[in-house]
Amino acid sequence: MKLLNKKNVGIFLILIFAVAYFYNLEVERQELELKIQRLEVKAKDYDEKLKVCVPTSIVHETTYSSDPRTNDRLIQIVSIFNQIINASCFKSYQGIMLSNPYKDIRLGELGTRQHNLSEDEIFKGFLYEYDKGVPFLRSGWTLCEDGSLSGSIGRGTCSWHGGYAKQRGEKFNFDFAERIPNPRDKIAELLNK
């Protein structure tokens, strides 16, 4: 009789552990579903915000028809960089959302004062885009450093105008913009556990 009771107690304990184990599994499954549902809401918000992000291609997609360092060219470049400094975020070529560390930089001040690294990146990028095509124009004329044009080429060209115009700055690549995590990456991580 005692042996039978011990056997019953053992079976009863096994049943309790099994019920507790499956109960915990169900709780974990429900918690996972709730996490995924919350992340799905965040992912939809991410997708909506991404639609209004300025594409990083904005800088490199423009083909300039005007000559370097003209007023029309300046207006085009200012327009592009104003979009950059007013953007809430950026969208990379791969469709990734990036932060905007350049927000509210004042372009007009950058040539007149010391600037931090993100301001320096904007300033160099601005100069690079403005000078694209320097020193030789499609027309065959030569651009001088002071902005004047010369019909000659070779030795002595632009000697009274500061010499040949030089390309300034560096290509702007959004180096200080940081990736904003996509909630879909976390969803995929949770589902693959």
N, C-alpha and C. Protein backbone atom coordinates (compact mmCIF):
# COMPACT_ATOMS: atom_id res chain seq x y z
N MET A 1 0.82 -1.20 0.00
CA MET A 1 0.00 0.00 0.00
C MET A 1 0.86 1.27 0.00
N LYS A 2 1.92 1.22 0.88
CA LYS A 2 2.81 2.38 0.94
C LYS A 2 3.51 2.58 -0.40
N LEU A 3 3.88 1.45 -1.05
CA LEU A 3 4.56 1.52 -2.36
C LEU A 3 3.64 2.14 -3.39
N LEU A 4 2.37 1.80 -3.35
CA LEU A 4 1.37 2.36 -4.27
C LEU A 4 1.20 3.85 -4.04
N ASN A 5 1.19 4.27 -2.79
CA ASN A 5 1.07 5.70 -2.48
C ASN A 5 2.27 6.49 -2.98
N LYS A 6 3.46 5.88 -2.79
CA LYS A 6 4.66 6.55 -3.29
C LYS A 6 4.60 6.69 -4.80
N LYS A 7 4.10 5.64 -5.45
CA LYS A 7 3.99 5.67 -6.92
C LYS A 7 3.00 6.76 -7.35
N ASN A 8 1.87 6.84 -6.64
CA ASN A 8 0.86 7.86 -6.96
C ASN A 8 1.41 9.28 -6.74
N VAL A 9 2.16 9.43 -5.65
CA VAL A 9 2.75 10.74 -5.36
C VAL A 9 3.73 11.11 -6.46
N GLY A 10 4.52 10.14 -6.92
CA GLY A 10 5.49 10.39 -8.00
C GLY A 10 4.79 10.81 -9.28
N ILE A 11 3.71 10.11 -9.64
CA ILE A 11 2.94 10.45 -10.84
C ILE A 11 2.31 11.83 -10.69
N PHE A 12 1.80 12.08 -9.50
CA PHE A 12 1.17 13.38 -9.24
C PHE A 12 2.19 14.52 -9.40
N LEU A 13 3.40 14.31 -8.86
CA LEU A 13 4.45 15.34 -8.98
C LEU A 13 4.86 15.56 -10.45
N ILE A 14 4.97 14.46 -11.18
CA ILE A 14 5.31 14.56 -12.61
C ILE A 14 4.24 15.36 -13.34
N LEU A 15 2.97 15.08 -13.01
CA LEU A 15 1.86 15.82 -13.64
C LEU A 15 1.92 17.31 -13.29
N ILE A 16 2.23 17.62 -12.04
CA ILE A 16 2.33 19.03 -11.63
C ILE A 16 3.45 19.73 -12.40
N PHE A 17 4.62 19.07 -12.48
CA PHE A 17 5.75 19.67 -13.21
C PHE A 17 5.41 19.84 -14.69
N ALA A 18 4.72 18.87 -15.26
CA ALA A 18 4.35 18.94 -16.68
C ALA A 18 3.38 20.09 -16.92
N VAL A 19 2.39 20.22 -16.04
CA VAL A 19 1.41 21.31 -16.17
C VAL A 19 2.12 22.66 -16.02
N ALA A 20 3.01 22.76 -15.03
CA ALA A 20 3.75 24.02 -14.82
C ALA A 20 4.63 24.34 -16.02
N TYR A 21 5.28 23.31 -16.58
CA TYR A 21 6.15 23.52 -17.74
C TYR A 21 5.34 24.04 -18.93
N PHE A 22 4.22 23.38 -19.23
CA PHE A 22 3.41 23.80 -20.38
C PHE A 22 2.72 25.15 -20.13
N TYR A 23 2.39 25.40 -18.87
CA TYR A 23 1.82 26.71 -18.52
C TYR A 23 2.84 27.82 -18.79
N ASN A 24 4.09 27.60 -18.35
CA ASN A 24 5.16 28.57 -18.59
C ASN A 24 5.41 28.77 -20.08
N LEU A 25 5.37 27.68 -20.84
CA LEU A 25 5.53 27.79 -22.30
C LEU A 25 4.44 28.68 -22.90
N GLU A 26 3.22 28.48 -22.45
CA GLU A 26 2.09 29.26 -22.96
C GLU A 26 2.23 30.74 -22.58
N VAL A 27 2.65 31.00 -21.34
CA VAL A 27 2.87 32.38 -20.89
C VAL A 27 3.95 33.05 -21.74
N GLU A 28 5.05 32.33 -21.97
CA GLU A 28 6.14 32.87 -22.80
C GLU A 28 5.67 33.14 -24.22
N ARG A 29 4.86 32.22 -24.75
CA ARG A 29 4.32 32.40 -26.12
C ARG A 29 3.45 33.65 -26.20
N GLN A 30 2.59 33.84 -25.19
CA GLN A 30 1.72 35.01 -25.17
C GLN A 30 2.53 36.30 -25.01
N GLU A 31 3.55 36.26 -24.16
CA GLU A 31 4.41 37.44 -23.99
C GLU A 31 5.13 37.78 -25.29
N LEU A 32 5.60 36.73 -26.01
CA LEU A 32 6.27 36.93 -27.29
C LEU A 32 5.30 37.56 -28.30
N GLU A 33 4.09 37.06 -28.34
CA GLU A 33 3.07 37.61 -29.25
C GLU A 33 2.80 39.09 -28.95
N LEU A 34 2.72 39.43 -27.65
CA LEU A 34 2.49 40.83 -27.26
C LEU A 34 3.67 41.72 -27.68
N LYS A 35 4.90 41.22 -27.46
CA LYS A 35 6.08 41.98 -27.87
C LYS A 35 6.06 42.21 -29.38
N ILE A 36 5.74 41.16 -30.12
CA ILE A 36 5.72 41.27 -31.59
C ILE A 36 4.63 42.24 -32.04
N GLN A 37 3.47 42.20 -31.39
CA GLN A 37 2.38 43.13 -31.74
C GLN A 37 2.81 44.57 -31.50
N ARG A 38 3.48 44.83 -30.35
CA ARG A 38 3.96 46.19 -30.07
C ARG A 38 5.00 46.62 -31.09
N LEU A 39 5.89 45.70 -31.45
CA LEU A 39 6.92 46.01 -32.44
C LEU A 39 6.33 46.24 -33.83
N GLU A 40 5.25 45.52 -34.15
CA GLU A 40 4.57 45.72 -35.45
C GLU A 40 4.02 47.14 -35.55
N VAL A 41 3.48 47.65 -34.44
CA VAL A 41 2.97 49.03 -34.41
C VAL A 41 4.13 50.00 -34.64
N LYS A 42 5.26 49.76 -33.95
CA LYS A 42 6.44 50.60 -34.13
C LYS A 42 6.98 50.50 -35.55
N ALA A 43 6.91 49.30 -36.14
CA ALA A 43 7.40 49.10 -37.51
C ALA A 43 6.55 49.89 -38.50
N LYS A 44 5.25 49.94 -38.27
CA LYS A 44 4.37 50.74 -39.15
C LYS A 44 4.70 52.22 -39.03
N ASP A 45 4.94 52.67 -37.79
CA ASP A 45 5.35 54.08 -37.58
C ASP A 45 6.67 54.36 -38.30
N TYR A 46 7.59 53.42 -38.20
CA TYR A 46 8.90 53.55 -38.86
C TYR A 46 8.71 53.70 -40.37
N ASP A 47 7.85 52.83 -40.95
CA ASP A 47 7.60 52.88 -42.40
C ASP A 47 6.97 54.22 -42.82
N GLU A 48 6.04 54.72 -42.00
CA GLU A 48 5.40 56.01 -42.30
C GLU A 48 6.40 57.16 -42.24
N LYS A 49 7.26 57.13 -41.22
CA LYS A 49 8.26 58.18 -41.09
C LYS A 49 9.28 58.11 -42.23
N LEU A 50 9.63 56.89 -42.63
CA LEU A 50 10.61 56.70 -43.71
C LEU A 50 10.15 57.34 -45.02
N LYS A 51 8.82 57.38 -45.20
CA LYS A 51 8.26 57.98 -46.43
C LYS A 51 8.58 59.47 -46.55
N VAL A 52 8.76 60.15 -45.43
CA VAL A 52 9.03 61.60 -45.48
C VAL A 52 10.52 61.93 -45.28
N CYS A 53 11.34 60.91 -45.09
CA CYS A 53 12.78 61.14 -44.94
C CYS A 53 13.37 61.58 -46.28
N VAL A 54 14.32 62.50 -46.24
CA VAL A 54 14.99 62.98 -47.44
C VAL A 54 15.97 61.91 -47.91
N PRO A 55 15.88 61.49 -49.18
CA PRO A 55 16.81 60.44 -49.66
C PRO A 55 18.25 60.98 -49.72
N THR A 56 19.21 60.13 -49.33
CA THR A 56 20.61 60.55 -49.36
C THR A 56 21.09 60.78 -50.80
N SER A 57 20.36 60.26 -51.75
CA SER A 57 20.73 60.45 -53.16
C SER A 57 20.51 61.89 -53.62
N ILE A 58 19.85 62.72 -52.79
CA ILE A 58 19.54 64.10 -53.17
C ILE A 58 20.79 64.87 -53.60
N VAL A 59 21.91 64.58 -52.97
CA VAL A 59 23.14 65.31 -53.28
C VAL A 59 23.72 64.85 -54.61
N HIS A 60 23.71 63.56 -54.85
CA HIS A 60 24.45 63.00 -55.98
C HIS A 60 23.62 62.81 -57.25
N GLU A 61 22.30 63.00 -57.15
CA GLU A 61 21.47 62.75 -58.34
C GLU A 61 21.40 63.97 -59.27
N THR A 62 21.83 65.12 -58.79
CA THR A 62 21.68 66.34 -59.58
C THR A 62 22.78 66.46 -60.63
N THR A 63 22.37 66.68 -61.86
CA THR A 63 23.32 66.99 -62.92
C THR A 63 23.19 68.47 -63.20
N TYR A 64 24.28 69.20 -63.06
CA TYR A 64 24.22 70.64 -63.20
C TYR A 64 24.42 71.04 -64.65
N SER A 65 23.51 71.85 -65.15
CA SER A 65 23.65 72.36 -66.51
C SER A 65 24.39 73.70 -66.50
N SER A 66 24.34 74.37 -65.36
CA SER A 66 25.00 75.69 -65.28
C SER A 66 26.47 75.52 -64.95
N ASP A 67 27.25 76.55 -65.25
CA ASP A 67 28.68 76.51 -65.00
C ASP A 67 28.96 76.61 -63.50
N PRO A 68 30.12 76.08 -63.06
CA PRO A 68 30.45 76.21 -61.64
C PRO A 68 30.56 77.68 -61.23
N ARG A 69 30.22 77.96 -60.00
CA ARG A 69 30.36 79.27 -59.36
C ARG A 69 29.52 80.37 -60.00
N THR A 70 28.43 80.02 -60.62
CA THR A 70 27.50 81.05 -61.08
C THR A 70 26.41 81.20 -60.03
N ASN A 71 25.62 82.26 -60.14
CA ASN A 71 24.54 82.49 -59.18
C ASN A 71 23.48 81.38 -59.27
N ASP A 72 23.16 80.93 -60.48
CA ASP A 72 22.18 79.84 -60.64
C ASP A 72 22.66 78.57 -59.94
N ARG A 73 23.94 78.28 -60.12
CA ARG A 73 24.52 77.09 -59.48
C ARG A 73 24.44 77.23 -57.97
N LEU A 74 24.76 78.40 -57.46
CA LEU A 74 24.71 78.65 -56.02
C LEU A 74 23.30 78.41 -55.49
N ILE A 75 22.29 78.89 -56.20
CA ILE A 75 20.89 78.71 -55.78
C ILE A 75 20.54 77.23 -55.73
N GLN A 76 20.98 76.46 -56.75
CA GLN A 76 20.70 75.02 -56.77
C GLN A 76 21.32 74.32 -55.57
N ILE A 77 22.58 74.64 -55.29
CA ILE A 77 23.29 73.97 -54.19
C ILE A 77 22.69 74.36 -52.84
N VAL A 78 22.38 75.63 -52.66
CA VAL A 78 21.76 76.09 -51.41
C VAL A 78 20.44 75.35 -51.19
N SER A 79 19.66 75.18 -52.25
CA SER A 79 18.38 74.48 -52.15
C SER A 79 18.57 73.05 -51.65
N ILE A 80 19.55 72.34 -52.20
CA ILE A 80 19.82 70.96 -51.78
C ILE A 80 20.23 70.91 -50.32
N PHE A 81 21.17 71.78 -49.94
CA PHE A 81 21.67 71.72 -48.57
C PHE A 81 20.65 72.26 -47.57
N ASN A 82 19.76 73.13 -47.99
CA ASN A 82 18.67 73.55 -47.11
C ASN A 82 17.72 72.39 -46.83
N GLN A 83 17.48 71.55 -47.84
CA GLN A 83 16.65 70.36 -47.62
C GLN A 83 17.31 69.42 -46.62
N ILE A 84 18.63 69.32 -46.71
CA ILE A 84 19.37 68.44 -45.80
C ILE A 84 19.27 68.95 -44.37
N ILE A 85 19.51 70.24 -44.14
CA ILE A 85 19.52 70.75 -42.76
C ILE A 85 18.12 70.90 -42.17
N ASN A 86 17.09 70.81 -43.01
CA ASN A 86 15.71 70.88 -42.51
C ASN A 86 15.03 69.52 -42.43
N ALA A 87 15.72 68.47 -42.87
CA ALA A 87 15.12 67.12 -42.90
C ALA A 87 14.93 66.57 -41.48
N SER A 88 13.85 65.82 -41.29
CA SER A 88 13.66 65.17 -39.99
C SER A 88 14.52 63.91 -39.91
N CYS A 89 14.81 63.32 -41.08
CA CYS A 89 15.63 62.11 -41.15
C CYS A 89 16.04 61.90 -42.61
N PHE A 90 16.90 60.90 -42.84
CA PHE A 90 17.34 60.57 -44.19
C PHE A 90 17.03 59.12 -44.50
N LYS A 91 16.87 58.84 -45.79
CA LYS A 91 16.66 57.46 -46.24
C LYS A 91 17.85 57.08 -47.12
N SER A 92 18.59 56.03 -46.71
CA SER A 92 19.77 55.62 -47.45
C SER A 92 19.37 54.89 -48.73
N TYR A 93 20.36 54.61 -49.58
CA TYR A 93 20.11 53.87 -50.82
C TYR A 93 19.50 52.50 -50.53
N GLN A 94 19.82 51.93 -49.35
CA GLN A 94 19.31 50.61 -48.97
C GLN A 94 17.95 50.68 -48.28
N GLY A 95 17.38 51.88 -48.16
CA GLY A 95 16.07 52.03 -47.52
C GLY A 95 16.15 52.06 -46.00
N ILE A 96 17.32 52.39 -45.46
CA ILE A 96 17.52 52.46 -44.01
C ILE A 96 17.32 53.91 -43.55
N MET A 97 16.65 54.07 -42.41
CA MET A 97 16.44 55.41 -41.88
C MET A 97 17.68 55.86 -41.10
N LEU A 98 18.09 57.10 -41.37
CA LEU A 98 19.25 57.68 -40.70
C LEU A 98 18.84 58.95 -39.95
N SER A 99 19.52 59.21 -38.85
CA SER A 99 19.25 60.43 -38.07
C SER A 99 19.77 61.65 -38.84
N ASN A 100 19.38 62.84 -38.37
CA ASN A 100 19.88 64.08 -38.98
C ASN A 100 20.69 64.89 -37.97
N PRO A 101 22.02 64.69 -37.98
CA PRO A 101 22.87 65.46 -37.07
C PRO A 101 23.16 66.87 -37.59
N TYR A 102 22.66 67.18 -38.79
CA TYR A 102 22.92 68.49 -39.42
C TYR A 102 21.75 69.45 -39.24
N LYS A 103 20.75 69.02 -38.49
CA LYS A 103 19.52 69.80 -38.36
C LYS A 103 19.80 71.22 -37.86
N ASP A 104 19.21 72.17 -38.56
CA ASP A 104 19.24 73.58 -38.17
C ASP A 104 20.63 74.25 -38.25
N ILE A 105 21.57 73.62 -38.95
CA ILE A 105 22.86 74.30 -39.20
C ILE A 105 22.57 75.51 -40.09
N ARG A 106 23.20 76.62 -39.80
CA ARG A 106 22.99 77.83 -40.62
C ARG A 106 24.09 77.92 -41.66
N LEU A 107 23.72 77.62 -42.89
CA LEU A 107 24.70 77.57 -43.99
C LEU A 107 25.48 78.87 -44.13
N GLY A 108 24.79 79.99 -44.04
CA GLY A 108 25.42 81.28 -44.27
C GLY A 108 26.51 81.63 -43.29
N GLU A 109 26.51 80.97 -42.13
CA GLU A 109 27.51 81.28 -41.10
C GLU A 109 28.78 80.46 -41.23
N LEU A 110 28.72 79.35 -41.98
CA LEU A 110 29.80 78.37 -41.92
C LEU A 110 31.14 78.88 -42.45
N GLY A 111 31.10 79.82 -43.39
CA GLY A 111 32.35 80.33 -43.93
C GLY A 111 32.97 81.43 -43.08
N THR A 112 32.28 81.83 -42.00
CA THR A 112 32.75 82.99 -41.23
C THR A 112 33.15 82.66 -39.80
N ARG A 113 33.04 81.40 -39.40
CA ARG A 113 33.38 81.06 -38.01
C ARG A 113 33.88 79.61 -37.93
N GLN A 114 34.46 79.28 -36.77
CA GLN A 114 34.87 77.90 -36.52
C GLN A 114 33.62 77.02 -36.48
N HIS A 115 33.75 75.79 -36.95
CA HIS A 115 32.57 74.92 -36.90
C HIS A 115 32.93 73.52 -36.40
N ASN A 116 31.91 72.84 -35.85
CA ASN A 116 32.14 71.49 -35.34
C ASN A 116 32.22 70.50 -36.51
N LEU A 117 32.37 69.21 -36.21
CA LEU A 117 32.64 68.22 -37.25
C LEU A 117 31.47 68.05 -38.23
N SER A 118 30.24 68.02 -37.74
CA SER A 118 29.10 67.86 -38.65
C SER A 118 28.91 69.12 -39.49
N GLU A 119 29.16 70.30 -38.91
CA GLU A 119 29.09 71.54 -39.68
C GLU A 119 30.20 71.58 -40.73
N ASP A 120 31.38 71.07 -40.36
CA ASP A 120 32.50 71.02 -41.30
C ASP A 120 32.18 70.11 -42.47
N GLU A 121 31.52 68.99 -42.18
CA GLU A 121 31.13 68.06 -43.25
C GLU A 121 30.16 68.72 -44.22
N ILE A 122 29.19 69.45 -43.69
CA ILE A 122 28.24 70.18 -44.53
C ILE A 122 28.97 71.23 -45.38
N PHE A 123 29.84 71.99 -44.74
CA PHE A 123 30.55 73.08 -45.42
C PHE A 123 31.42 72.54 -46.56
N LYS A 124 32.18 71.49 -46.28
CA LYS A 124 33.03 70.88 -47.31
C LYS A 124 32.19 70.29 -48.44
N GLY A 125 31.08 69.65 -48.07
CA GLY A 125 30.18 69.08 -49.09
C GLY A 125 29.57 70.15 -49.96
N PHE A 126 29.20 71.26 -49.34
CA PHE A 126 28.63 72.39 -50.06
C PHE A 126 29.64 72.93 -51.09
N LEU A 127 30.88 73.14 -50.65
CA LEU A 127 31.92 73.65 -51.54
C LEU A 127 32.20 72.66 -52.67
N TYR A 128 32.21 71.38 -52.35
CA TYR A 128 32.47 70.35 -53.35
C TYR A 128 31.41 70.39 -54.46
N GLU A 129 30.15 70.46 -54.05
CA GLU A 129 29.06 70.48 -55.05
C GLU A 129 29.10 71.77 -55.86
N TYR A 130 29.41 72.87 -55.20
CA TYR A 130 29.46 74.16 -55.89
C TYR A 130 30.58 74.18 -56.92
N ASP A 131 31.69 73.54 -56.62
CA ASP A 131 32.86 73.55 -57.50
C ASP A 131 32.91 72.38 -58.48
N LYS A 132 31.90 71.52 -58.46
CA LYS A 132 31.94 70.34 -59.33
C LYS A 132 32.11 70.79 -60.78
N GLY A 133 33.08 70.23 -61.48
CA GLY A 133 33.33 70.62 -62.86
C GLY A 133 34.49 71.57 -63.02
N VAL A 134 35.05 72.05 -61.91
CA VAL A 134 36.19 72.96 -61.96
C VAL A 134 37.44 72.16 -62.33
N PRO A 135 38.40 72.71 -63.12
CA PRO A 135 38.44 74.07 -63.64
C PRO A 135 37.90 74.22 -65.06
N PHE A 136 37.67 73.11 -65.78
CA PHE A 136 37.29 73.25 -67.19
C PHE A 136 35.80 73.08 -67.38
N LEU A 137 35.21 73.95 -68.15
CA LEU A 137 33.77 73.91 -68.41
C LEU A 137 33.49 73.18 -69.70
N ARG A 138 32.26 72.77 -69.87
CA ARG A 138 31.87 72.06 -71.11
C ARG A 138 32.09 72.95 -72.34
N SER A 139 32.01 74.25 -72.12
CA SER A 139 32.16 75.20 -73.24
C SER A 139 33.60 75.27 -73.73
N GLY A 140 34.54 74.71 -72.95
CA GLY A 140 35.94 74.80 -73.33
C GLY A 140 36.64 75.97 -72.65
N TRP A 141 35.88 76.81 -71.99
CA TRP A 141 36.50 77.94 -71.27
C TRP A 141 37.15 77.41 -69.99
N THR A 142 38.03 78.21 -69.43
CA THR A 142 38.70 77.86 -68.17
C THR A 142 38.17 78.77 -67.07
N LEU A 143 37.86 78.16 -65.94
CA LEU A 143 37.38 78.93 -64.79
C LEU A 143 38.57 79.32 -63.92
N CYS A 144 38.68 80.61 -63.61
CA CYS A 144 39.75 81.12 -62.75
C CYS A 144 39.29 81.14 -61.30
N GLU A 145 40.27 81.22 -60.40
CA GLU A 145 39.99 81.15 -58.96
C GLU A 145 39.04 82.25 -58.50
N ASP A 146 39.10 83.43 -59.14
CA ASP A 146 38.21 84.53 -58.72
C ASP A 146 36.82 84.43 -59.33
N GLY A 147 36.56 83.35 -60.09
CA GLY A 147 35.25 83.13 -60.70
C GLY A 147 35.14 83.62 -62.12
N SER A 148 36.16 84.29 -62.63
CA SER A 148 36.11 84.78 -64.02
C SER A 148 36.45 83.65 -64.99
N LEU A 149 36.08 83.85 -66.26
CA LEU A 149 36.33 82.85 -67.30
C LEU A 149 37.45 83.31 -68.22
N SER A 150 38.25 82.36 -68.69
CA SER A 150 39.31 82.67 -69.64
C SER A 150 39.16 81.77 -70.85
N GLY A 151 39.35 82.36 -72.03
CA GLY A 151 39.26 81.58 -73.26
C GLY A 151 40.54 80.85 -73.58
N SER A 152 41.60 81.10 -72.84
CA SER A 152 42.88 80.45 -73.13
C SER A 152 43.09 79.24 -72.25
N ILE A 153 44.08 78.44 -72.63
CA ILE A 153 44.46 77.28 -71.82
C ILE A 153 45.98 77.28 -71.74
N GLY A 154 46.52 76.53 -70.79
CA GLY A 154 47.97 76.41 -70.69
C GLY A 154 48.60 77.48 -69.82
N ARG A 155 49.93 77.60 -69.96
CA ARG A 155 50.75 78.49 -69.12
C ARG A 155 50.25 79.93 -69.21
N GLY A 156 50.11 80.57 -68.05
CA GLY A 156 49.71 81.97 -68.00
C GLY A 156 48.22 82.19 -67.91
N THR A 157 47.43 81.15 -68.20
CA THR A 157 45.98 81.29 -68.11
C THR A 157 45.59 81.63 -66.67
N CYS A 158 44.74 82.60 -66.50
CA CYS A 158 44.22 83.04 -65.19
C CYS A 158 45.30 83.64 -64.28
N SER A 159 46.45 84.02 -64.84
CA SER A 159 47.53 84.53 -63.99
C SER A 159 47.14 85.81 -63.26
N TRP A 160 46.25 86.61 -63.85
CA TRP A 160 45.81 87.85 -63.21
C TRP A 160 44.52 87.64 -62.41
N HIS A 161 44.06 86.38 -62.36
CA HIS A 161 42.77 86.11 -61.69
C HIS A 161 42.90 85.00 -60.64
N GLY A 162 44.08 84.90 -60.03
CA GLY A 162 44.26 83.93 -58.93
C GLY A 162 44.65 82.54 -59.37
N GLY A 163 44.94 82.37 -60.66
CA GLY A 163 45.29 81.04 -61.17
C GLY A 163 44.04 80.22 -61.46
N TYR A 164 44.26 78.96 -61.84
CA TYR A 164 43.13 78.07 -62.12
C TYR A 164 42.26 77.89 -60.88
N ALA A 165 40.99 77.81 -61.10
CA ALA A 165 40.09 77.50 -59.98
C ALA A 165 40.34 76.06 -59.53
N LYS A 166 40.26 75.83 -58.24
CA LYS A 166 40.50 74.49 -57.70
C LYS A 166 39.22 73.93 -57.10
N GLN A 167 39.09 72.63 -57.22
CA GLN A 167 37.97 71.94 -56.56
C GLN A 167 38.20 72.04 -55.05
N ARG A 168 37.20 72.49 -54.32
CA ARG A 168 37.30 72.61 -52.87
C ARG A 168 36.39 71.60 -52.19
N GLY A 169 36.64 71.39 -50.92
CA GLY A 169 35.77 70.54 -50.12
C GLY A 169 35.92 69.07 -50.40
N GLU A 170 34.94 68.30 -49.93
CA GLU A 170 34.93 66.84 -50.09
C GLU A 170 33.50 66.40 -50.37
N LYS A 171 33.38 65.29 -51.07
CA LYS A 171 32.07 64.74 -51.40
C LYS A 171 31.27 64.50 -50.11
N PHE A 172 30.03 64.91 -50.11
CA PHE A 172 29.19 64.80 -48.92
C PHE A 172 28.52 63.43 -48.88
N ASN A 173 28.79 62.66 -47.81
CA ASN A 173 28.29 61.28 -47.72
C ASN A 173 27.47 60.98 -46.47
N PHE A 174 27.00 62.01 -45.77
CA PHE A 174 26.17 61.81 -44.57
C PHE A 174 26.90 60.97 -43.52
N ASP A 175 28.21 61.23 -43.37
CA ASP A 175 29.04 60.41 -42.47
C ASP A 175 28.62 60.47 -41.01
N PHE A 176 28.03 61.58 -40.57
CA PHE A 176 27.66 61.71 -39.15
C PHE A 176 26.23 61.24 -38.87
N ALA A 177 25.49 60.92 -39.92
CA ALA A 177 24.13 60.41 -39.74
C ALA A 177 24.21 58.97 -39.22
N GLU A 178 23.40 58.64 -38.22
CA GLU A 178 23.44 57.30 -37.63
C GLU A 178 22.18 56.52 -37.99
N ARG A 179 22.34 55.23 -38.10
CA ARG A 179 21.23 54.34 -38.43
C ARG A 179 20.20 54.33 -37.29
N ILE A 180 18.94 54.49 -37.66
CA ILE A 180 17.84 54.36 -36.69
C ILE A 180 17.32 52.93 -36.81
N PRO A 181 17.37 52.15 -35.72
CA PRO A 181 17.00 50.73 -35.81
C PRO A 181 15.57 50.53 -36.33
N ASN A 182 15.44 49.56 -37.21
CA ASN A 182 14.14 49.20 -37.75
C ASN A 182 13.53 48.13 -36.84
N PRO A 183 12.33 48.36 -36.30
CA PRO A 183 11.70 47.36 -35.41
C PRO A 183 11.54 45.98 -36.07
N ARG A 184 11.51 45.93 -37.39
CA ARG A 184 11.37 44.64 -38.09
C ARG A 184 12.59 43.74 -37.85
N ASP A 185 13.75 44.36 -37.62
CA ASP A 185 14.95 43.57 -37.31
C ASP A 185 14.78 42.86 -35.97
N LYS A 186 14.20 43.55 -34.98
CA LYS A 186 13.96 42.96 -33.66
C LYS A 186 12.91 41.85 -33.75
N ILE A 187 11.88 42.07 -34.59
CA ILE A 187 10.84 41.04 -34.79
C ILE A 187 11.48 39.77 -35.34
N ALA A 188 12.33 39.93 -36.36
CA ALA A 188 13.00 38.77 -36.97
C ALA A 188 13.87 38.06 -35.94
N GLU A 189 14.55 38.83 -35.10
CA GLU A 189 15.40 38.25 -34.05
C GLU A 189 14.56 37.44 -33.05
N LEU A 190 13.43 37.98 -32.64
CA LEU A 190 12.55 37.28 -31.70
C LEU A 190 11.97 36.00 -32.30
N LEU A 191 11.62 36.05 -33.57
CA LEU A 191 11.02 34.86 -34.22
C LEU A 191 12.04 33.76 -34.47
N ASN A 192 13.33 34.14 -34.54
CA ASN A 192 14.37 33.14 -34.80
C ASN A 192 14.99 32.56 -33.54
N LYS A 193 14.49 32.97 -32.37
CA LYS A 193 15.02 32.43 -31.10
C LYS A 193 14.58 31.00 -30.91
